[in-house]
Amino acid sequence: MRAFPDRPVYLITQADLSAGRSTPEVVAAALEGGTNIVQLREKHTSARTQYRIGQQVRELTAAADVPLIVNNRIDIAEAIDADGVHLGDDDLPVAVAREMLGPDAIVGRSVSTPTAAEEAEAAGADYLGVGAVYRTDSKDDVDPENHGIGLDGLTAVVEATSLPVVGIGGVTVDNAAEVIAAGADGLAVISAITNADDPTAAAAALEQAIEKGVRKR
């Protein structure tokens, strides 16, 4: 299995936020621009469709030697030989995913507080998706009044864990450097790449923003 990258430009897929393009098309373009980890997250499709799309994406990521993570669905991760899964509050526990997928799998966990970060690390997570940093419309269950944990909230989580942290939620090319300067190791995005006019250029710009943010620390 592939290792979690040091400075992740982390693409999360979602076909209905991809400006009419297919998920494999977006992934191929993003990989060309520097995306170095991909999460299959096709929330509004059937398991069979996720499996079919996942097979195509697996071919692309394997050719690029980039890890492929599956959101939530351990069964689909196993079926397409993905490198791991990403879990939220309503998904199976980290320890269960680890037992099912084995010691070499990459297991990520979404958190928004220092306490949750500490618990995820103790449970054996490999990295954390922290947010929403800013308000986002990409998740169905996000309260429209919730403007995110902010950069201070992100920094508090970073300081509570030794795990790699990716900032997620409302991250754009314009604010990405600040997310990294606040302590995140990398950036996880959906529409900043999937809905961009040029996903290749968008991925490259996010990679540059990470470097800029590291210099601002």
N, C-alpha and C. Protein backbone atom coordinates (compact mmCIF):
# COMPACT_ATOMS: atom_id res chain seq x y z
N MET A 1 0.83 -1.20 0.00
CA MET A 1 0.00 0.00 0.00
C MET A 1 0.88 1.26 0.00
N ARG A 2 0.33 2.33 -0.55
CA ARG A 2 1.07 3.58 -0.65
C ARG A 2 1.00 4.36 0.66
N ALA A 3 2.02 5.15 0.92
CA ALA A 3 2.08 5.93 2.15
C ALA A 3 1.31 7.23 2.01
N PHE A 4 0.84 7.77 3.13
CA PHE A 4 0.18 9.07 3.12
C PHE A 4 1.22 10.13 2.78
N PRO A 5 0.94 11.03 1.84
CA PRO A 5 1.95 12.00 1.39
C PRO A 5 2.26 13.04 2.45
N ASP A 6 3.46 13.61 2.36
CA ASP A 6 3.91 14.60 3.34
C ASP A 6 3.12 15.91 3.26
N ARG A 7 2.90 16.40 2.06
CA ARG A 7 2.17 17.66 1.87
C ARG A 7 1.01 17.42 0.90
N PRO A 8 -0.06 16.86 1.43
CA PRO A 8 -1.13 16.40 0.55
C PRO A 8 -1.93 17.51 -0.13
N VAL A 9 -2.03 17.40 -1.44
CA VAL A 9 -3.05 18.11 -2.22
C VAL A 9 -4.13 17.05 -2.44
N TYR A 10 -5.13 17.07 -1.60
CA TYR A 10 -6.05 15.95 -1.40
C TYR A 10 -7.37 16.26 -2.12
N LEU A 11 -7.60 15.56 -3.23
CA LEU A 11 -8.84 15.74 -3.98
C LEU A 11 -9.90 14.78 -3.47
N ILE A 12 -11.07 15.34 -3.14
CA ILE A 12 -12.24 14.55 -2.78
C ILE A 12 -13.23 14.65 -3.93
N THR A 13 -13.62 13.53 -4.48
CA THR A 13 -14.45 13.56 -5.68
C THR A 13 -15.92 13.74 -5.35
N GLN A 14 -16.64 14.34 -6.27
CA GLN A 14 -18.09 14.44 -6.19
C GLN A 14 -18.60 14.84 -7.57
N ALA A 15 -19.20 13.89 -8.25
CA ALA A 15 -19.56 14.09 -9.65
C ALA A 15 -20.54 15.25 -9.84
N ASP A 16 -21.48 15.45 -8.89
CA ASP A 16 -22.46 16.50 -9.09
C ASP A 16 -21.91 17.89 -8.77
N LEU A 17 -20.63 17.97 -8.43
CA LEU A 17 -19.96 19.26 -8.28
C LEU A 17 -18.79 19.38 -9.26
N SER A 18 -18.92 18.71 -10.40
CA SER A 18 -17.79 18.62 -11.33
C SER A 18 -18.07 19.27 -12.68
N ALA A 19 -19.00 20.21 -12.72
CA ALA A 19 -19.26 21.01 -13.92
C ALA A 19 -19.53 20.14 -15.15
N GLY A 20 -20.26 19.05 -14.95
CA GLY A 20 -20.65 18.20 -16.05
C GLY A 20 -19.60 17.20 -16.49
N ARG A 21 -18.45 17.22 -15.85
CA ARG A 21 -17.39 16.27 -16.20
C ARG A 21 -17.51 15.01 -15.35
N SER A 22 -17.00 13.90 -15.85
CA SER A 22 -17.01 12.67 -15.08
C SER A 22 -15.93 12.71 -14.01
N THR A 23 -16.12 11.92 -12.97
CA THR A 23 -15.11 11.84 -11.91
C THR A 23 -13.76 11.37 -12.44
N PRO A 24 -13.68 10.34 -13.28
CA PRO A 24 -12.38 9.96 -13.82
C PRO A 24 -11.71 11.08 -14.61
N GLU A 25 -12.48 11.87 -15.34
CA GLU A 25 -11.90 13.00 -16.07
C GLU A 25 -11.28 14.01 -15.12
N VAL A 26 -11.99 14.33 -14.06
CA VAL A 26 -11.48 15.30 -13.09
C VAL A 26 -10.25 14.76 -12.39
N VAL A 27 -10.29 13.49 -12.01
CA VAL A 27 -9.14 12.89 -11.32
C VAL A 27 -7.91 12.90 -12.21
N ALA A 28 -8.07 12.53 -13.46
CA ALA A 28 -6.94 12.51 -14.39
C ALA A 28 -6.31 13.89 -14.51
N ALA A 29 -7.16 14.91 -14.63
CA ALA A 29 -6.65 16.27 -14.76
C ALA A 29 -5.96 16.73 -13.48
N ALA A 30 -6.56 16.41 -12.33
CA ALA A 30 -5.98 16.82 -11.05
C ALA A 30 -4.63 16.15 -10.80
N LEU A 31 -4.53 14.88 -11.15
CA LEU A 31 -3.25 14.18 -10.99
C LEU A 31 -2.16 14.83 -11.82
N GLU A 32 -2.53 15.27 -13.00
CA GLU A 32 -1.57 15.95 -13.86
C GLU A 32 -1.07 17.25 -13.21
N GLY A 33 -1.95 17.88 -12.42
CA GLY A 33 -1.59 19.15 -11.80
C GLY A 33 -0.87 19.02 -10.47
N GLY A 34 -0.76 17.82 -9.94
CA GLY A 34 -0.02 17.64 -8.70
C GLY A 34 -0.80 17.07 -7.53
N THR A 35 -2.08 16.75 -7.73
CA THR A 35 -2.81 16.07 -6.67
C THR A 35 -2.09 14.77 -6.31
N ASN A 36 -1.85 14.55 -5.02
CA ASN A 36 -1.07 13.38 -4.63
C ASN A 36 -1.81 12.43 -3.68
N ILE A 37 -3.12 12.64 -3.52
CA ILE A 37 -3.99 11.68 -2.85
C ILE A 37 -5.42 11.98 -3.27
N VAL A 38 -6.21 10.93 -3.47
CA VAL A 38 -7.58 11.08 -3.96
C VAL A 38 -8.52 10.29 -3.06
N GLN A 39 -9.64 10.92 -2.73
CA GLN A 39 -10.70 10.23 -1.99
C GLN A 39 -11.92 10.09 -2.88
N LEU A 40 -12.39 8.86 -3.03
CA LEU A 40 -13.62 8.59 -3.76
C LEU A 40 -14.80 8.87 -2.84
N ARG A 41 -15.57 9.88 -3.18
CA ARG A 41 -16.71 10.29 -2.35
C ARG A 41 -17.89 10.62 -3.26
N GLU A 42 -18.57 9.60 -3.72
CA GLU A 42 -19.70 9.79 -4.63
C GLU A 42 -20.99 9.57 -3.83
N LYS A 43 -21.31 10.55 -2.99
CA LYS A 43 -22.36 10.41 -1.99
C LYS A 43 -23.74 10.14 -2.58
N HIS A 44 -24.01 10.65 -3.75
CA HIS A 44 -25.37 10.59 -4.28
C HIS A 44 -25.53 9.54 -5.35
N THR A 45 -24.73 8.48 -5.28
CA THR A 45 -24.81 7.39 -6.26
C THR A 45 -24.94 6.06 -5.54
N SER A 46 -25.34 5.04 -6.28
CA SER A 46 -25.49 3.71 -5.71
C SER A 46 -24.13 3.07 -5.46
N ALA A 47 -24.15 2.01 -4.67
CA ALA A 47 -22.91 1.27 -4.40
C ALA A 47 -22.33 0.71 -5.69
N ARG A 48 -23.18 0.26 -6.59
CA ARG A 48 -22.69 -0.30 -7.85
C ARG A 48 -22.00 0.78 -8.69
N THR A 49 -22.59 1.98 -8.70
CA THR A 49 -21.97 3.07 -9.46
C THR A 49 -20.66 3.51 -8.81
N GLN A 50 -20.64 3.58 -7.50
CA GLN A 50 -19.40 3.91 -6.81
C GLN A 50 -18.31 2.89 -7.14
N TYR A 51 -18.68 1.63 -7.18
CA TYR A 51 -17.73 0.57 -7.50
C TYR A 51 -17.19 0.75 -8.91
N ARG A 52 -18.09 1.02 -9.86
CA ARG A 52 -17.66 1.20 -11.26
C ARG A 52 -16.73 2.40 -11.41
N ILE A 53 -17.12 3.53 -10.82
CA ILE A 53 -16.27 4.71 -10.88
C ILE A 53 -14.96 4.45 -10.15
N GLY A 54 -15.06 3.77 -9.02
CA GLY A 54 -13.87 3.48 -8.24
C GLY A 54 -12.86 2.64 -9.00
N GLN A 55 -13.32 1.69 -9.79
CA GLN A 55 -12.40 0.89 -10.59
C GLN A 55 -11.62 1.77 -11.57
N GLN A 56 -12.31 2.71 -12.19
CA GLN A 56 -11.64 3.60 -13.15
C GLN A 56 -10.64 4.52 -12.44
N VAL A 57 -11.05 5.05 -11.30
CA VAL A 57 -10.17 5.94 -10.55
C VAL A 57 -8.97 5.17 -10.00
N ARG A 58 -9.20 3.94 -9.58
CA ARG A 58 -8.10 3.11 -9.08
C ARG A 58 -7.01 2.93 -10.14
N GLU A 59 -7.42 2.73 -11.38
CA GLU A 59 -6.45 2.59 -12.47
C GLU A 59 -5.62 3.87 -12.62
N LEU A 60 -6.27 5.01 -12.52
CA LEU A 60 -5.57 6.29 -12.67
C LEU A 60 -4.60 6.53 -11.52
N THR A 61 -5.05 6.30 -10.30
CA THR A 61 -4.18 6.57 -9.15
C THR A 61 -3.04 5.56 -9.07
N ALA A 62 -3.30 4.33 -9.44
CA ALA A 62 -2.23 3.32 -9.42
C ALA A 62 -1.15 3.69 -10.43
N ALA A 63 -1.56 4.14 -11.60
CA ALA A 63 -0.59 4.53 -12.63
C ALA A 63 0.25 5.71 -12.18
N ALA A 64 -0.35 6.60 -11.37
CA ALA A 64 0.35 7.79 -10.87
C ALA A 64 1.07 7.52 -9.55
N ASP A 65 0.93 6.32 -9.00
CA ASP A 65 1.50 5.96 -7.70
C ASP A 65 1.01 6.89 -6.60
N VAL A 66 -0.29 7.13 -6.61
CA VAL A 66 -0.96 8.04 -5.66
C VAL A 66 -1.97 7.24 -4.86
N PRO A 67 -2.05 7.44 -3.54
CA PRO A 67 -3.02 6.69 -2.73
C PRO A 67 -4.47 7.03 -3.10
N LEU A 68 -5.30 6.00 -3.06
CA LEU A 68 -6.74 6.16 -3.25
C LEU A 68 -7.45 5.77 -1.96
N ILE A 69 -8.23 6.70 -1.44
CA ILE A 69 -9.01 6.50 -0.22
C ILE A 69 -10.49 6.48 -0.60
N VAL A 70 -11.27 5.68 0.10
CA VAL A 70 -12.72 5.64 -0.13
C VAL A 70 -13.42 6.23 1.09
N ASN A 71 -14.35 7.13 0.85
CA ASN A 71 -15.11 7.71 1.93
C ASN A 71 -16.10 6.70 2.48
N ASN A 72 -15.96 6.38 3.76
CA ASN A 72 -16.98 5.63 4.49
C ASN A 72 -17.03 4.14 4.15
N ARG A 73 -17.08 3.78 2.87
CA ARG A 73 -17.43 2.42 2.44
C ARG A 73 -16.23 1.49 2.46
N ILE A 74 -16.08 0.75 3.55
CA ILE A 74 -14.99 -0.20 3.66
C ILE A 74 -15.13 -1.31 2.63
N ASP A 75 -16.37 -1.71 2.34
CA ASP A 75 -16.59 -2.78 1.37
C ASP A 75 -16.13 -2.37 -0.02
N ILE A 76 -16.40 -1.13 -0.41
CA ILE A 76 -15.96 -0.67 -1.72
C ILE A 76 -14.44 -0.52 -1.75
N ALA A 77 -13.87 -0.05 -0.65
CA ALA A 77 -12.41 0.06 -0.58
C ALA A 77 -11.76 -1.30 -0.81
N GLU A 78 -12.32 -2.33 -0.20
CA GLU A 78 -11.80 -3.68 -0.40
C GLU A 78 -12.01 -4.14 -1.84
N ALA A 79 -13.19 -3.84 -2.39
CA ALA A 79 -13.54 -4.35 -3.71
C ALA A 79 -12.67 -3.76 -4.82
N ILE A 80 -12.24 -2.50 -4.66
CA ILE A 80 -11.43 -1.87 -5.72
C ILE A 80 -9.95 -1.82 -5.36
N ASP A 81 -9.59 -2.48 -4.27
CA ASP A 81 -8.19 -2.51 -3.81
C ASP A 81 -7.66 -1.10 -3.56
N ALA A 82 -8.48 -0.29 -2.89
CA ALA A 82 -8.04 1.05 -2.50
C ALA A 82 -7.02 0.96 -1.39
N ASP A 83 -6.37 2.10 -1.12
CA ASP A 83 -5.33 2.13 -0.10
C ASP A 83 -5.86 2.37 1.30
N GLY A 84 -7.14 2.75 1.41
CA GLY A 84 -7.69 2.97 2.73
C GLY A 84 -9.06 3.60 2.69
N VAL A 85 -9.50 4.08 3.85
CA VAL A 85 -10.83 4.69 3.99
C VAL A 85 -10.72 5.95 4.82
N HIS A 86 -11.74 6.80 4.65
CA HIS A 86 -11.87 7.99 5.49
C HIS A 86 -13.21 7.90 6.20
N LEU A 87 -13.19 8.13 7.52
CA LEU A 87 -14.36 7.89 8.35
C LEU A 87 -14.81 9.16 9.05
N GLY A 88 -16.13 9.29 9.21
CA GLY A 88 -16.72 10.40 9.94
C GLY A 88 -17.38 9.91 11.21
N ASP A 89 -18.10 10.81 11.87
CA ASP A 89 -18.71 10.49 13.16
C ASP A 89 -19.73 9.36 13.06
N ASP A 90 -20.42 9.23 11.93
CA ASP A 90 -21.49 8.24 11.79
C ASP A 90 -21.02 6.95 11.14
N ASP A 91 -19.73 6.84 10.86
CA ASP A 91 -19.20 5.65 10.20
C ASP A 91 -18.67 4.66 11.22
N LEU A 92 -18.20 3.52 10.74
CA LEU A 92 -17.61 2.53 11.64
C LEU A 92 -16.40 3.11 12.36
N PRO A 93 -16.09 2.63 13.55
CA PRO A 93 -14.93 3.13 14.29
C PRO A 93 -13.62 2.84 13.57
N VAL A 94 -12.62 3.65 13.87
CA VAL A 94 -11.30 3.48 13.28
C VAL A 94 -10.77 2.08 13.53
N ALA A 95 -10.91 1.58 14.75
CA ALA A 95 -10.36 0.27 15.10
C ALA A 95 -11.00 -0.84 14.27
N VAL A 96 -12.28 -0.72 13.98
CA VAL A 96 -12.97 -1.72 13.18
C VAL A 96 -12.46 -1.69 11.74
N ALA A 97 -12.32 -0.47 11.20
CA ALA A 97 -11.78 -0.35 9.83
C ALA A 97 -10.38 -0.94 9.75
N ARG A 98 -9.57 -0.69 10.77
CA ARG A 98 -8.21 -1.22 10.80
C ARG A 98 -8.23 -2.75 10.81
N GLU A 99 -9.10 -3.31 11.60
CA GLU A 99 -9.20 -4.76 11.68
C GLU A 99 -9.63 -5.36 10.34
N MET A 100 -10.55 -4.69 9.66
CA MET A 100 -11.07 -5.20 8.40
C MET A 100 -10.09 -5.03 7.24
N LEU A 101 -9.36 -3.92 7.23
CA LEU A 101 -8.50 -3.60 6.09
C LEU A 101 -7.04 -3.98 6.31
N GLY A 102 -6.66 -4.18 7.56
CA GLY A 102 -5.30 -4.60 7.83
C GLY A 102 -4.39 -3.47 8.25
N PRO A 103 -3.20 -3.82 8.74
CA PRO A 103 -2.29 -2.83 9.32
C PRO A 103 -1.70 -1.85 8.32
N ASP A 104 -1.67 -2.21 7.05
CA ASP A 104 -1.04 -1.34 6.06
C ASP A 104 -2.00 -0.33 5.44
N ALA A 105 -3.29 -0.46 5.73
CA ALA A 105 -4.27 0.46 5.15
C ALA A 105 -4.12 1.85 5.75
N ILE A 106 -4.45 2.86 4.97
CA ILE A 106 -4.50 4.25 5.44
C ILE A 106 -5.92 4.50 5.96
N VAL A 107 -6.02 4.86 7.23
CA VAL A 107 -7.33 5.13 7.82
C VAL A 107 -7.35 6.57 8.31
N GLY A 108 -8.23 7.38 7.72
CA GLY A 108 -8.37 8.77 8.10
C GLY A 108 -9.63 9.00 8.89
N ARG A 109 -9.66 10.10 9.62
CA ARG A 109 -10.82 10.41 10.46
C ARG A 109 -11.10 11.90 10.41
N SER A 110 -12.37 12.26 10.24
CA SER A 110 -12.80 13.65 10.28
C SER A 110 -12.99 14.09 11.73
N VAL A 111 -12.39 15.21 12.10
CA VAL A 111 -12.56 15.75 13.46
C VAL A 111 -12.65 17.27 13.37
N SER A 112 -13.16 17.87 14.45
CA SER A 112 -13.24 19.33 14.49
C SER A 112 -12.81 19.90 15.84
N THR A 113 -12.42 19.02 16.77
CA THR A 113 -12.01 19.49 18.09
C THR A 113 -10.73 18.79 18.54
N PRO A 114 -9.98 19.40 19.44
CA PRO A 114 -8.79 18.74 19.98
C PRO A 114 -9.10 17.39 20.63
N THR A 115 -10.20 17.32 21.37
CA THR A 115 -10.56 16.06 22.03
C THR A 115 -10.80 14.95 21.02
N ALA A 116 -11.52 15.26 19.96
CA ALA A 116 -11.78 14.26 18.92
C ALA A 116 -10.49 13.84 18.23
N ALA A 117 -9.58 14.77 18.06
CA ALA A 117 -8.29 14.45 17.45
C ALA A 117 -7.51 13.48 18.32
N GLU A 118 -7.49 13.74 19.61
CA GLU A 118 -6.78 12.86 20.53
C GLU A 118 -7.39 11.46 20.53
N GLU A 119 -8.71 11.40 20.49
CA GLU A 119 -9.39 10.10 20.47
C GLU A 119 -9.09 9.34 19.18
N ALA A 120 -9.08 10.04 18.05
CA ALA A 120 -8.80 9.38 16.78
C ALA A 120 -7.38 8.86 16.72
N GLU A 121 -6.45 9.64 17.25
CA GLU A 121 -5.06 9.19 17.27
C GLU A 121 -4.91 7.96 18.16
N ALA A 122 -5.55 7.97 19.32
CA ALA A 122 -5.48 6.83 20.23
C ALA A 122 -6.10 5.58 19.62
N ALA A 123 -7.10 5.77 18.75
CA ALA A 123 -7.78 4.64 18.11
C ALA A 123 -6.99 4.07 16.94
N GLY A 124 -5.95 4.79 16.51
CA GLY A 124 -5.11 4.25 15.45
C GLY A 124 -5.27 4.88 14.09
N ALA A 125 -5.87 6.07 14.03
CA ALA A 125 -5.99 6.76 12.74
C ALA A 125 -4.60 7.15 12.23
N ASP A 126 -4.49 7.25 10.90
CA ASP A 126 -3.22 7.62 10.27
C ASP A 126 -3.12 9.11 9.96
N TYR A 127 -4.26 9.76 9.77
CA TYR A 127 -4.28 11.19 9.50
C TYR A 127 -5.66 11.72 9.86
N LEU A 128 -5.77 13.05 9.95
CA LEU A 128 -7.02 13.69 10.30
C LEU A 128 -7.44 14.69 9.23
N GLY A 129 -8.72 14.68 8.89
CA GLY A 129 -9.31 15.74 8.10
C GLY A 129 -9.99 16.69 9.07
N VAL A 130 -9.52 17.93 9.15
CA VAL A 130 -9.96 18.85 10.20
C VAL A 130 -10.77 19.98 9.60
N GLY A 131 -11.95 20.18 10.15
CA GLY A 131 -12.80 21.25 9.67
C GLY A 131 -14.25 21.02 10.10
N ALA A 132 -15.16 21.67 9.45
CA ALA A 132 -14.90 22.58 8.34
C ALA A 132 -14.16 23.83 8.82
N VAL A 133 -13.04 24.16 8.12
CA VAL A 133 -12.29 25.34 8.48
C VAL A 133 -13.13 26.59 8.21
N TYR A 134 -13.71 26.63 7.02
CA TYR A 134 -14.60 27.72 6.64
C TYR A 134 -15.98 27.13 6.31
N ARG A 135 -16.94 27.99 6.21
CA ARG A 135 -18.27 27.53 5.82
C ARG A 135 -18.20 26.84 4.47
N THR A 136 -18.93 25.73 4.33
CA THR A 136 -18.92 24.97 3.09
C THR A 136 -20.33 24.51 2.75
N ASP A 137 -20.60 24.39 1.46
CA ASP A 137 -21.89 23.88 1.00
C ASP A 137 -21.76 22.49 0.42
N SER A 138 -20.60 21.85 0.60
CA SER A 138 -20.35 20.55 -0.04
C SER A 138 -20.93 19.38 0.72
N LYS A 139 -21.33 19.59 1.99
CA LYS A 139 -21.88 18.51 2.78
C LYS A 139 -23.34 18.79 3.09
N ASP A 140 -24.18 17.76 2.93
CA ASP A 140 -25.61 17.91 3.13
C ASP A 140 -25.97 18.25 4.56
N ASP A 141 -25.15 17.79 5.52
CA ASP A 141 -25.52 17.92 6.91
C ASP A 141 -24.89 19.12 7.61
N VAL A 142 -24.28 20.01 6.85
CA VAL A 142 -23.66 21.18 7.46
C VAL A 142 -24.73 22.24 7.72
N ASP A 143 -24.82 22.70 8.95
CA ASP A 143 -25.75 23.75 9.32
C ASP A 143 -25.39 25.03 8.55
N PRO A 144 -26.34 25.63 7.81
CA PRO A 144 -26.01 26.83 7.04
C PRO A 144 -25.55 27.99 7.90
N GLU A 145 -25.84 27.94 9.20
CA GLU A 145 -25.39 29.00 10.10
C GLU A 145 -23.97 28.74 10.63
N ASN A 146 -23.45 27.55 10.34
CA ASN A 146 -22.12 27.19 10.84
C ASN A 146 -21.06 27.73 9.90
N HIS A 147 -20.24 28.63 10.40
CA HIS A 147 -19.21 29.23 9.57
C HIS A 147 -17.85 28.55 9.75
N GLY A 148 -17.83 27.38 10.33
CA GLY A 148 -16.60 26.62 10.45
C GLY A 148 -15.84 26.92 11.73
N ILE A 149 -14.80 26.11 11.96
CA ILE A 149 -14.01 26.25 13.19
C ILE A 149 -12.98 27.37 13.09
N GLY A 150 -12.72 27.83 11.88
CA GLY A 150 -11.77 28.93 11.69
C GLY A 150 -10.33 28.47 11.83
N LEU A 151 -9.41 29.39 11.58
CA LEU A 151 -7.99 29.07 11.64
C LEU A 151 -7.55 28.79 13.08
N ASP A 152 -8.11 29.48 14.05
CA ASP A 152 -7.75 29.23 15.44
C ASP A 152 -8.19 27.83 15.86
N GLY A 153 -9.36 27.42 15.42
CA GLY A 153 -9.83 26.07 15.73
C GLY A 153 -8.96 25.01 15.08
N LEU A 154 -8.52 25.28 13.86
CA LEU A 154 -7.62 24.37 13.17
C LEU A 154 -6.30 24.24 13.93
N THR A 155 -5.73 25.36 14.33
CA THR A 155 -4.46 25.34 15.06
C THR A 155 -4.59 24.57 16.37
N ALA A 156 -5.71 24.72 17.05
CA ALA A 156 -5.92 24.01 18.31
C ALA A 156 -5.90 22.50 18.10
N VAL A 157 -6.50 22.04 17.01
CA VAL A 157 -6.50 20.61 16.72
C VAL A 157 -5.09 20.15 16.36
N VAL A 158 -4.39 20.93 15.54
CA VAL A 158 -3.02 20.58 15.15
C VAL A 158 -2.14 20.40 16.38
N GLU A 159 -2.30 21.28 17.35
CA GLU A 159 -1.47 21.24 18.55
C GLU A 159 -1.81 20.06 19.47
N ALA A 160 -2.97 19.43 19.23
CA ALA A 160 -3.40 18.33 20.09
C ALA A 160 -3.00 16.96 19.56
N THR A 161 -2.39 16.91 18.38
CA THR A 161 -2.10 15.62 17.78
C THR A 161 -0.75 15.62 17.09
N SER A 162 -0.19 14.43 16.96
CA SER A 162 1.04 14.26 16.17
C SER A 162 0.75 13.74 14.78
N LEU A 163 -0.52 13.49 14.48
CA LEU A 163 -0.90 12.95 13.17
C LEU A 163 -0.86 14.03 12.10
N PRO A 164 -0.65 13.65 10.83
CA PRO A 164 -0.80 14.60 9.74
C PRO A 164 -2.22 15.16 9.71
N VAL A 165 -2.32 16.43 9.41
CA VAL A 165 -3.62 17.12 9.39
C VAL A 165 -3.84 17.75 8.02
N VAL A 166 -5.01 17.50 7.45
CA VAL A 166 -5.42 18.21 6.24
C VAL A 166 -6.59 19.11 6.59
N GLY A 167 -6.49 20.38 6.20
CA GLY A 167 -7.59 21.30 6.41
C GLY A 167 -8.64 21.11 5.34
N ILE A 168 -9.90 21.07 5.74
CA ILE A 168 -10.99 20.82 4.81
C ILE A 168 -12.17 21.73 5.14
N GLY A 169 -12.93 22.08 4.12
CA GLY A 169 -14.13 22.87 4.33
C GLY A 169 -13.97 24.30 3.90
N GLY A 170 -14.46 24.63 2.72
CA GLY A 170 -14.38 26.00 2.24
C GLY A 170 -12.99 26.43 1.82
N VAL A 171 -12.08 25.48 1.62
CA VAL A 171 -10.71 25.81 1.23
C VAL A 171 -10.67 26.13 -0.25
N THR A 172 -10.06 27.26 -0.60
CA THR A 172 -9.92 27.70 -1.98
C THR A 172 -8.46 28.06 -2.23
N VAL A 173 -8.14 28.33 -3.48
CA VAL A 173 -6.79 28.78 -3.81
C VAL A 173 -6.48 30.08 -3.06
N ASP A 174 -7.47 30.93 -2.87
CA ASP A 174 -7.25 32.23 -2.24
C ASP A 174 -6.94 32.14 -0.75
N ASN A 175 -7.51 31.16 -0.04
CA ASN A 175 -7.28 31.09 1.40
C ASN A 175 -6.40 29.90 1.81
N ALA A 176 -5.95 29.13 0.85
CA ALA A 176 -5.22 27.89 1.14
C ALA A 176 -3.93 28.13 1.91
N ALA A 177 -3.17 29.15 1.55
CA ALA A 177 -1.89 29.40 2.22
C ALA A 177 -2.11 29.68 3.70
N GLU A 178 -3.20 30.37 4.06
CA GLU A 178 -3.47 30.67 5.45
C GLU A 178 -3.78 29.39 6.24
N VAL A 179 -4.43 28.43 5.58
CA VAL A 179 -4.73 27.15 6.23
C VAL A 179 -3.44 26.41 6.57
N ILE A 180 -2.49 26.45 5.66
CA ILE A 180 -1.20 25.80 5.91
C ILE A 180 -0.42 26.58 6.97
N ALA A 181 -0.44 27.89 6.89
CA ALA A 181 0.27 28.70 7.89
C ALA A 181 -0.27 28.46 9.29
N ALA A 182 -1.56 28.10 9.39
CA ALA A 182 -2.17 27.82 10.69
C ALA A 182 -1.77 26.47 11.24
N GLY A 183 -1.05 25.67 10.44
CA GLY A 183 -0.52 24.41 10.96
C GLY A 183 -0.88 23.16 10.19
N ALA A 184 -1.82 23.25 9.25
CA ALA A 184 -2.19 22.06 8.48
C ALA A 184 -1.02 21.59 7.61
N ASP A 185 -0.93 20.29 7.44
CA ASP A 185 0.11 19.73 6.57
C ASP A 185 -0.29 19.79 5.11
N GLY A 186 -1.59 19.80 4.85
CA GLY A 186 -2.06 19.81 3.48
C GLY A 186 -3.49 20.28 3.39
N LEU A 187 -4.05 20.18 2.20
CA LEU A 187 -5.37 20.73 1.89
C LEU A 187 -6.25 19.66 1.27
N ALA A 188 -7.48 19.55 1.75
CA ALA A 188 -8.46 18.66 1.16
C ALA A 188 -9.58 19.49 0.57
N VAL A 189 -9.86 19.28 -0.70
CA VAL A 189 -10.84 20.12 -1.39
C VAL A 189 -11.75 19.27 -2.27
N ILE A 190 -12.93 19.79 -2.51
CA ILE A 190 -13.83 19.22 -3.51
C ILE A 190 -13.93 20.21 -4.66
N SER A 191 -14.81 21.21 -4.50
CA SER A 191 -15.14 22.08 -5.63
C SER A 191 -13.97 22.95 -6.08
N ALA A 192 -13.00 23.22 -5.22
CA ALA A 192 -11.85 24.03 -5.64
C ALA A 192 -11.11 23.39 -6.81
N ILE A 193 -11.24 22.06 -6.94
CA ILE A 193 -10.69 21.37 -8.11
C ILE A 193 -11.80 20.88 -9.02
N THR A 194 -12.81 20.19 -8.47
CA THR A 194 -13.81 19.56 -9.34
C THR A 194 -14.60 20.56 -10.16
N ASN A 195 -14.85 21.74 -9.60
CA ASN A 195 -15.67 22.74 -10.30
C ASN A 195 -14.83 23.82 -10.98
N ALA A 196 -13.51 23.68 -10.93
CA ALA A 196 -12.63 24.67 -11.56
C ALA A 196 -12.71 24.58 -13.07
N ASP A 197 -12.50 25.71 -13.73
CA ASP A 197 -12.46 25.69 -15.19
C ASP A 197 -11.36 24.78 -15.70
N ASP A 198 -10.25 24.76 -14.98
CA ASP A 198 -9.10 23.94 -15.35
C ASP A 198 -8.63 23.20 -14.10
N PRO A 199 -9.09 21.96 -13.87
CA PRO A 199 -8.70 21.23 -12.67
C PRO A 199 -7.19 21.01 -12.55
N THR A 200 -6.51 20.89 -13.66
CA THR A 200 -5.06 20.71 -13.62
C THR A 200 -4.39 21.95 -13.03
N ALA A 201 -4.78 23.12 -13.53
CA ALA A 201 -4.22 24.37 -13.03
C ALA A 201 -4.61 24.61 -11.58
N ALA A 202 -5.83 24.22 -11.20
CA ALA A 202 -6.29 24.40 -9.83
C ALA A 202 -5.46 23.56 -8.86
N ALA A 203 -5.19 22.31 -9.24
CA ALA A 203 -4.37 21.45 -8.38
C ALA A 203 -2.97 22.01 -8.24
N ALA A 204 -2.41 22.50 -9.34
CA ALA A 204 -1.07 23.08 -9.30
C ALA A 204 -1.04 24.33 -8.41
N ALA A 205 -2.10 25.13 -8.48
CA ALA A 205 -2.16 26.35 -7.65
C ALA A 205 -2.25 26.00 -6.17
N LEU A 206 -2.96 24.94 -5.83
CA LEU A 206 -3.05 24.51 -4.44
C LEU A 206 -1.70 24.00 -3.95
N GLU A 207 -0.98 23.30 -4.80
CA GLU A 207 0.35 22.84 -4.44
C GLU A 207 1.27 24.03 -4.15
N GLN A 208 1.18 25.06 -4.96
CA GLN A 208 1.97 26.26 -4.74
C GLN A 208 1.54 26.97 -3.45
N ALA A 209 0.25 26.93 -3.16
CA ALA A 209 -0.26 27.57 -1.94
C ALA A 209 0.28 26.87 -0.69
N ILE A 210 0.45 25.56 -0.77
CA ILE A 210 1.03 24.84 0.37
C ILE A 210 2.45 25.33 0.63
N GLU A 211 3.22 25.45 -0.44
CA GLU A 211 4.60 25.94 -0.27
C GLU A 211 4.61 27.36 0.31
N LYS A 212 3.71 28.19 -0.16
CA LYS A 212 3.61 29.56 0.35
C LYS A 212 3.23 29.57 1.82
N GLY A 213 2.28 28.72 2.19
CA GLY A 213 1.86 28.65 3.57
C GLY A 213 2.95 28.17 4.51
N VAL A 214 3.74 27.20 4.05
CA VAL A 214 4.85 26.70 4.87
C VAL A 214 5.85 27.83 5.13
N ARG A 215 6.09 28.65 4.13
CA ARG A 215 7.05 29.76 4.30
C ARG A 215 6.51 30.81 5.25
N LYS A 216 5.19 30.90 5.42
CA LYS A 216 4.60 31.92 6.29
C LYS A 216 4.56 31.51 7.76
N ARG A 217 4.88 30.29 8.06
CA ARG A 217 4.81 29.83 9.46
C ARG A 217 5.85 30.53 10.33
